[in-house]
Amino acid sequence: MSEQKYYPEDILVEKMENGEYDWLDYVNHHSSEWQDEYSRYCEENCLKIGNESAAEFVRHKDAELEAAMENGEA
């Protein structure tokens, strides 16, 4: 089995813009931590793993980062 490959955010954005990746690919190639968090997020919110829930998860992560920045935590 091949090892999972992770990419920096700028590469992921580029792959999304080129149509090479969808939101699920974005999450799966971001980090192992995101993969774990996404699985829990779907389980806790009764969501199916897929492109739509992955997009929702990314919006959730963006909101977390924004809140952390506002609170001086990031």
N, C-alpha and C. Protein backbone atom coordinates (compact mmCIF):
# COMPACT_ATOMS: atom_id res chain seq x y z
N MET A 1 0.85 -1.18 0.00
CA MET A 1 0.00 0.00 0.00
C MET A 1 0.89 1.24 0.00
N SER A 2 0.56 2.23 -0.81
CA SER A 2 1.37 3.43 -0.88
C SER A 2 1.04 4.36 0.29
N GLU A 3 2.04 5.12 0.69
CA GLU A 3 1.87 6.05 1.81
C GLU A 3 1.06 7.26 1.35
N GLN A 4 0.19 7.75 2.22
CA GLN A 4 -0.64 8.92 1.93
C GLN A 4 0.27 10.13 1.74
N LYS A 5 0.00 10.92 0.72
CA LYS A 5 0.79 12.11 0.45
C LYS A 5 0.01 13.35 0.87
N TYR A 6 0.65 14.22 1.61
CA TYR A 6 0.03 15.47 2.05
C TYR A 6 0.73 16.64 1.36
N TYR A 7 -0.03 17.70 1.13
CA TYR A 7 0.48 18.86 0.41
C TYR A 7 0.27 20.13 1.22
N PRO A 8 1.11 21.15 1.00
CA PRO A 8 0.87 22.45 1.62
C PRO A 8 -0.42 23.05 1.04
N GLU A 9 -0.99 23.97 1.78
CA GLU A 9 -2.27 24.55 1.38
C GLU A 9 -2.24 25.19 0.00
N ASP A 10 -1.15 25.87 -0.36
CA ASP A 10 -1.08 26.52 -1.67
C ASP A 10 -1.16 25.50 -2.81
N ILE A 11 -0.56 24.35 -2.62
CA ILE A 11 -0.63 23.29 -3.64
C ILE A 11 -2.05 22.73 -3.71
N LEU A 12 -2.66 22.54 -2.55
CA LEU A 12 -4.04 22.03 -2.52
C LEU A 12 -4.99 22.99 -3.23
N VAL A 13 -4.83 24.28 -2.98
CA VAL A 13 -5.68 25.28 -3.63
C VAL A 13 -5.48 25.22 -5.14
N GLU A 14 -4.22 25.10 -5.57
CA GLU A 14 -3.92 25.01 -7.00
C GLU A 14 -4.59 23.78 -7.62
N LYS A 15 -4.51 22.64 -6.94
CA LYS A 15 -5.13 21.42 -7.45
C LYS A 15 -6.66 21.57 -7.51
N MET A 16 -7.24 22.28 -6.56
CA MET A 16 -8.68 22.54 -6.58
C MET A 16 -9.03 23.43 -7.78
N GLU A 17 -8.27 24.49 -7.96
CA GLU A 17 -8.53 25.44 -9.05
C GLU A 17 -8.38 24.77 -10.41
N ASN A 18 -7.46 23.81 -10.52
CA ASN A 18 -7.25 23.09 -11.79
C ASN A 18 -8.29 21.99 -12.02
N GLY A 19 -9.14 21.76 -11.02
CA GLY A 19 -10.14 20.71 -11.15
C GLY A 19 -9.59 19.32 -10.89
N GLU A 20 -8.37 19.26 -10.42
CA GLU A 20 -7.73 17.97 -10.14
C GLU A 20 -8.27 17.36 -8.85
N TYR A 21 -8.59 18.21 -7.87
CA TYR A 21 -9.10 17.78 -6.57
C TYR A 21 -10.47 18.37 -6.30
N ASP A 22 -11.27 17.63 -5.52
CA ASP A 22 -12.51 18.18 -4.98
C ASP A 22 -12.28 18.38 -3.47
N TRP A 23 -13.34 18.76 -2.75
CA TRP A 23 -13.17 19.05 -1.32
C TRP A 23 -12.73 17.83 -0.53
N LEU A 24 -13.22 16.66 -0.88
CA LEU A 24 -12.82 15.45 -0.17
C LEU A 24 -11.32 15.18 -0.37
N ASP A 25 -10.84 15.36 -1.59
CA ASP A 25 -9.40 15.22 -1.84
C ASP A 25 -8.60 16.24 -1.02
N TYR A 26 -9.13 17.47 -0.98
CA TYR A 26 -8.47 18.55 -0.23
C TYR A 26 -8.26 18.12 1.22
N VAL A 27 -9.34 17.64 1.86
CA VAL A 27 -9.26 17.21 3.26
C VAL A 27 -8.30 16.03 3.41
N ASN A 28 -8.42 15.05 2.54
CA ASN A 28 -7.61 13.84 2.65
C ASN A 28 -6.12 14.07 2.40
N HIS A 29 -5.78 15.13 1.67
CA HIS A 29 -4.37 15.40 1.37
C HIS A 29 -3.82 16.58 2.17
N HIS A 30 -4.63 17.10 3.11
CA HIS A 30 -4.18 18.21 3.95
C HIS A 30 -3.26 17.69 5.06
N SER A 31 -3.77 16.74 5.86
CA SER A 31 -2.97 16.16 6.95
C SER A 31 -3.72 14.98 7.55
N SER A 32 -2.98 14.15 8.25
CA SER A 32 -3.63 13.03 8.93
C SER A 32 -4.54 13.55 10.04
N GLU A 33 -4.16 14.67 10.66
CA GLU A 33 -5.00 15.27 11.69
C GLU A 33 -6.35 15.68 11.13
N TRP A 34 -6.33 16.30 9.94
CA TRP A 34 -7.59 16.70 9.31
C TRP A 34 -8.42 15.48 8.96
N GLN A 35 -7.80 14.41 8.51
CA GLN A 35 -8.55 13.20 8.20
C GLN A 35 -9.28 12.69 9.44
N ASP A 36 -8.57 12.65 10.56
CA ASP A 36 -9.17 12.20 11.81
C ASP A 36 -10.28 13.14 12.27
N GLU A 37 -10.01 14.45 12.23
CA GLU A 37 -11.01 15.43 12.64
C GLU A 37 -12.24 15.36 11.75
N TYR A 38 -12.03 15.18 10.46
CA TYR A 38 -13.14 15.11 9.51
C TYR A 38 -14.01 13.89 9.80
N SER A 39 -13.40 12.76 10.08
CA SER A 39 -14.16 11.55 10.42
C SER A 39 -15.02 11.80 11.65
N ARG A 40 -14.42 12.40 12.68
CA ARG A 40 -15.18 12.71 13.90
C ARG A 40 -16.29 13.72 13.61
N TYR A 41 -15.97 14.74 12.82
CA TYR A 41 -16.95 15.77 12.47
C TYR A 41 -18.17 15.14 11.80
N CYS A 42 -17.93 14.25 10.87
CA CYS A 42 -19.04 13.59 10.17
C CYS A 42 -19.84 12.72 11.14
N GLU A 43 -19.14 11.99 11.98
CA GLU A 43 -19.82 11.11 12.94
C GLU A 43 -20.67 11.94 13.91
N GLU A 44 -20.10 13.01 14.44
CA GLU A 44 -20.80 13.84 15.43
C GLU A 44 -21.99 14.59 14.83
N ASN A 45 -21.93 14.87 13.53
CA ASN A 45 -23.00 15.64 12.88
C ASN A 45 -23.87 14.78 11.96
N CYS A 46 -23.73 13.46 12.08
CA CYS A 46 -24.52 12.51 11.28
C CYS A 46 -24.44 12.81 9.79
N LEU A 47 -23.21 13.03 9.32
CA LEU A 47 -22.97 13.33 7.91
C LEU A 47 -22.29 12.15 7.24
N LYS A 48 -22.56 11.99 5.95
CA LYS A 48 -21.87 10.98 5.16
C LYS A 48 -20.55 11.56 4.66
N ILE A 49 -19.53 10.72 4.63
CA ILE A 49 -18.24 11.12 4.07
C ILE A 49 -18.46 11.39 2.58
N GLY A 50 -18.07 12.55 2.11
CA GLY A 50 -18.22 12.90 0.71
C GLY A 50 -17.85 14.34 0.46
N ASN A 51 -17.97 14.77 -0.78
CA ASN A 51 -17.53 16.10 -1.18
C ASN A 51 -18.30 17.20 -0.44
N GLU A 52 -19.61 17.03 -0.28
CA GLU A 52 -20.42 18.07 0.36
C GLU A 52 -20.05 18.24 1.83
N SER A 53 -19.92 17.14 2.56
CA SER A 53 -19.56 17.24 3.98
C SER A 53 -18.11 17.70 4.14
N ALA A 54 -17.25 17.36 3.20
CA ALA A 54 -15.86 17.82 3.25
C ALA A 54 -15.80 19.34 3.08
N ALA A 55 -16.61 19.88 2.17
CA ALA A 55 -16.67 21.34 1.99
C ALA A 55 -17.17 22.00 3.27
N GLU A 56 -18.17 21.40 3.90
CA GLU A 56 -18.70 21.93 5.16
C GLU A 56 -17.62 21.89 6.25
N PHE A 57 -16.86 20.82 6.30
CA PHE A 57 -15.78 20.69 7.27
C PHE A 57 -14.72 21.77 7.06
N VAL A 58 -14.36 22.05 5.82
CA VAL A 58 -13.36 23.09 5.53
C VAL A 58 -13.89 24.45 5.98
N ARG A 59 -15.17 24.73 5.73
CA ARG A 59 -15.76 25.99 6.21
C ARG A 59 -15.70 26.05 7.74
N HIS A 60 -15.96 24.92 8.39
CA HIS A 60 -15.89 24.83 9.85
C HIS A 60 -14.47 25.14 10.34
N LYS A 61 -13.47 24.58 9.69
CA LYS A 61 -12.07 24.82 10.06
C LYS A 61 -11.70 26.29 9.84
N ASP A 62 -12.19 26.89 8.76
CA ASP A 62 -11.94 28.31 8.50
C ASP A 62 -12.53 29.17 9.61
N ALA A 63 -13.75 28.83 10.05
CA ALA A 63 -14.41 29.57 11.13
C ALA A 63 -13.63 29.42 12.44
N GLU A 64 -13.12 28.22 12.71
CA GLU A 64 -12.30 28.00 13.91
C GLU A 64 -11.05 28.87 13.88
N LEU A 65 -10.40 28.93 12.73
CA LEU A 65 -9.19 29.73 12.60
C LEU A 65 -9.50 31.21 12.77
N GLU A 66 -10.58 31.66 12.15
CA GLU A 66 -10.97 33.06 12.26
C GLU A 66 -11.25 33.44 13.72
N ALA A 67 -11.96 32.57 14.44
CA ALA A 67 -12.26 32.82 15.85
C ALA A 67 -10.98 32.85 16.67
N ALA A 68 -10.06 31.95 16.39
CA ALA A 68 -8.79 31.91 17.12
C ALA A 68 -7.99 33.17 16.86
N MET A 69 -8.01 33.65 15.64
CA MET A 69 -7.28 34.89 15.31
C MET A 69 -7.90 36.08 16.03
N GLU A 70 -9.23 36.14 16.09
CA GLU A 70 -9.91 37.24 16.79
C GLU A 70 -9.60 37.23 18.28
N ASN A 71 -9.38 36.03 18.83
CA ASN A 71 -9.08 35.90 20.25
C ASN A 71 -7.59 35.94 20.55
N GLY A 72 -6.78 36.18 19.50
CA GLY A 72 -5.33 36.25 19.67
C GLY A 72 -4.70 34.90 19.93
N GLU A 73 -5.35 33.84 19.54
CA GLU A 73 -4.85 32.49 19.78
C GLU A 73 -4.16 31.89 18.56
N ALA A 74 -4.15 32.60 17.44
CA ALA A 74 -3.51 32.07 16.24
C ALA A 74 -2.66 33.14 15.58
